[in-house]
Protein backbone atom coordinates (compact mmCIF):
# COMPACT_ATOMS: atom_id res chain seq x y z
CA MET A 1 -17.88 -14.79 0.09
CA ARG A 2 -14.42 -14.93 1.71
CA ARG A 3 -13.00 -16.60 -1.40
CA ALA A 4 -14.38 -13.79 -3.57
CA LEU A 5 -12.83 -11.25 -1.21
CA PHE A 6 -9.45 -12.97 -1.50
CA ALA A 7 -9.72 -12.93 -5.30
CA VAL A 8 -10.35 -9.18 -5.25
CA LEU A 9 -7.54 -8.57 -2.76
CA VAL A 10 -4.91 -10.23 -4.90
CA GLY A 11 -5.38 -7.60 -7.66
CA VAL A 12 -1.90 -6.11 -7.60
CA ALA A 13 -2.11 -3.17 -9.99
CA LEU A 14 0.67 -0.55 -10.25
CA LEU A 15 4.30 0.07 -9.38
CA MET A 16 6.07 3.56 -9.01
CA ALA A 17 8.97 4.88 -6.52
CA ILE A 18 11.00 2.91 -3.93
CA ALA A 19 14.33 3.00 -2.01
CA PRO A 20 17.82 1.50 -2.21
CA SER A 21 19.01 -1.65 -0.36
CA ALA A 22 18.30 -3.25 3.03
CA ARG A 23 20.46 -4.77 5.80
CA ALA A 24 19.27 -7.13 8.52
CA GLY A 25 18.24 -5.22 11.65
CA ARG A 26 18.84 -1.81 10.07
CA PRO A 27 16.75 0.61 8.02
CA TRP A 28 17.09 0.48 4.27
CA ARG A 29 20.22 2.28 3.14
CA GLY A 30 19.86 5.48 1.15
CA GLY A 31 19.77 8.30 3.67
CA GLY A 32 17.07 6.95 5.97
CA LYS A 33 14.42 6.69 3.27
CA LYS A 34 10.96 6.04 4.66
CA VAL A 35 8.06 4.10 3.25
CA TRP A 36 4.82 6.06 2.96
CA SER A 37 1.79 3.82 3.14
CA GLY A 38 -1.84 4.74 2.75
CA LEU A 39 -5.20 3.05 3.09
CA VAL A 40 -7.49 4.73 0.58
CA VAL A 41 -11.23 4.45 -0.02
CA ALA A 42 -11.97 5.00 -3.71
CA THR A 43 -15.54 6.01 -4.65
CA ASN A 44 -17.50 7.72 -7.41
CA ALA A 45 -19.04 10.96 -6.17
CA PRO A 46 -21.31 13.44 -8.04
CA ARG A 47 -19.00 16.27 -6.87
CA PRO A 48 -15.65 14.64 -6.15
CA ARG A 49 -13.34 16.29 -3.64
CA PRO A 50 -9.73 16.83 -4.69
CA ALA A 51 -7.29 14.06 -3.81
CA PRO A 52 -5.27 14.51 -0.61
CA ALA A 53 -1.93 16.30 -1.13
CA GLU A 54 0.06 13.07 -0.55
CA MET A 55 -1.78 11.46 -3.44
CA LEU A 56 -1.92 14.22 -6.04
CA ARG A 57 0.72 12.66 -8.28
CA PHE A 58 -1.14 9.31 -8.30
CA ASP A 59 -4.65 10.72 -8.80
CA PRO A 60 -4.78 10.60 -12.63
CA THR A 61 -3.34 7.06 -12.76
CA LEU A 62 -5.65 5.79 -10.01
CA ARG A 63 -8.67 7.31 -11.80
CA ARG A 64 -7.74 5.61 -15.10
CA THR A 65 -6.78 2.29 -13.54
CA PHE A 66 -9.64 1.81 -11.07
CA GLY A 67 -12.42 3.94 -12.57
CA TYR A 68 -13.18 5.98 -9.43
CA ASN A 69 -13.23 9.79 -9.25
CA GLN A 70 -12.64 10.37 -5.51
CA PHE A 71 -9.92 9.07 -3.16
CA GLU A 72 -10.06 9.49 0.61
CA LEU A 73 -7.16 8.60 2.91
CA ILE A 74 -8.45 6.69 5.93
CA GLY A 75 -5.04 5.65 7.26
CA VAL A 76 -1.49 6.82 6.61
CA SER A 77 2.00 6.08 7.90
CA ARG A 78 5.54 7.22 7.15
CA LYS A 79 8.12 4.84 8.61
CA ALA A 80 11.63 3.54 7.98
CA LEU A 81 11.29 -0.23 7.64
CA GLN A 82 13.60 -2.42 9.70
CA ASN A 83 14.73 -5.83 8.42
CA GLY A 84 13.91 -8.63 10.81
CA GLU A 85 11.22 -6.62 12.63
CA VAL A 86 7.44 -6.47 12.35
CA ASN A 87 6.56 -3.16 10.68
CA TRP A 88 2.99 -1.95 11.18
CA LEU A 89 2.21 0.73 8.65
CA ALA A 90 -1.03 2.49 7.71
CA SER A 91 -4.03 1.70 9.85
CA SER A 92 -7.61 2.89 10.19
CA LYS A 93 -10.50 2.05 12.49
CA HIS A 94 -10.94 -1.44 10.97
CA PHE A 95 -7.96 -2.05 8.65
CA SER A 96 -4.21 -2.28 9.23
CA LEU A 97 -1.23 -3.09 7.05
CA ARG A 98 1.79 -5.09 8.17
CA VAL A 99 4.96 -5.15 6.06
CA ASP A 100 7.95 -7.38 6.77
CA PRO A 101 11.11 -6.80 4.69
CA ARG A 102 12.56 -10.06 3.35
CA GLY A 103 15.72 -8.75 1.67
CA VAL A 104 16.93 -7.19 -1.54
CA SER A 105 16.84 -8.72 -4.99
CA ARG A 106 18.02 -7.46 -8.38
CA ASP A 107 14.46 -6.20 -9.01
CA GLY A 108 13.95 -4.35 -5.72
CA TYR A 109 12.94 -5.04 -2.15
CA ARG A 110 11.17 -8.26 -1.25
CA VAL A 111 8.47 -7.84 1.39
CA ASN A 112 5.68 -9.87 2.92
CA LEU A 113 2.42 -7.88 3.13
CA GLN A 114 -0.56 -8.64 5.36
CA LEU A 115 -3.84 -6.72 5.34
CA PHE A 116 -5.95 -7.13 8.47
CA GLN A 117 -9.59 -6.26 9.06
CA ASP A 118 -9.82 -5.91 12.80
CA ARG A 119 -7.82 -9.00 13.88
CA GLN A 120 -8.52 -11.17 10.84
CA VAL A 121 -5.99 -11.53 8.01
CA LEU A 122 -7.69 -10.70 4.70
CA LEU A 123 -4.63 -10.87 2.48
CA GLU A 124 -1.09 -12.15 2.75
CA THR A 125 1.23 -11.93 -0.21
CA ASP A 126 4.87 -11.51 -1.09
CA ALA A 127 5.71 -8.54 -3.28
CA THR A 128 8.72 -6.73 -4.66
CA LEU A 129 8.88 -2.98 -4.18
CA SER A 130 10.65 -1.60 -7.22
CA LYS A 131 13.17 1.22 -7.07
CA SER A 132 11.06 3.10 -9.60
CA SER A 133 7.49 2.20 -8.63
CA PRO A 134 4.95 2.48 -5.82
CA LEU A 135 2.87 -0.57 -5.10
CA VAL A 136 -0.91 -0.30 -5.33
CA ILE A 137 -3.19 -3.19 -4.36
CA ARG A 138 -6.94 -3.32 -4.84
CA GLY A 139 -8.59 -4.41 -1.61
CA PRO A 140 -12.14 -5.31 -0.62
CA GLN A 141 -15.32 -3.39 -1.43
CA ILE A 142 -16.26 -0.90 1.29
CA GLY A 143 -19.84 0.32 0.92
CA ALA A 144 -20.06 1.92 -2.53
CA GLY A 145 -16.26 2.08 -2.83
CA GLN A 146 -13.08 0.07 -2.91
CA LEU A 147 -10.17 -0.11 -0.47
CA LEU A 148 -6.76 0.55 -2.07
CA LEU A 149 -3.37 -0.01 -0.41
CA LEU A 150 -0.48 2.20 -1.49
CA LEU A 151 3.22 1.83 -0.59
CA VAL A 152 5.81 4.38 -1.75
CA VAL A 153 9.41 4.96 -0.70
CA GLN A 154 10.12 8.65 -0.22
């Protein structure tokens, strides 16, 4: 069952808006840009509620990509990432997201991502946050829905 969960977690799906460069021990340059992160439960509801304001621009793409009609934010964070420091971002009652900047490449910002359920690591992966794309990762099933992780530089 754990192996199946890991297979689902590694479903990296979209990319959309990120920030300029990073320096060790300092926030990313570019006017103190912050990374918005969200833990989202995607479900299909008979009468779906509108998406939260922070997610309105992603709603149509998320609907098409994942096939769900309702998105509920269960954890959110807005934080300037610091190179060389542990950066805990969005968290909820049972899930938390850790992001560690690893430097800048030609393609964007290299980061190490870890998704925790309570104290157990469910996913660890390296990713590149593009200057033009948010990062969306499909997480585990939660009841009748799916956990999604979103990272966007504002």
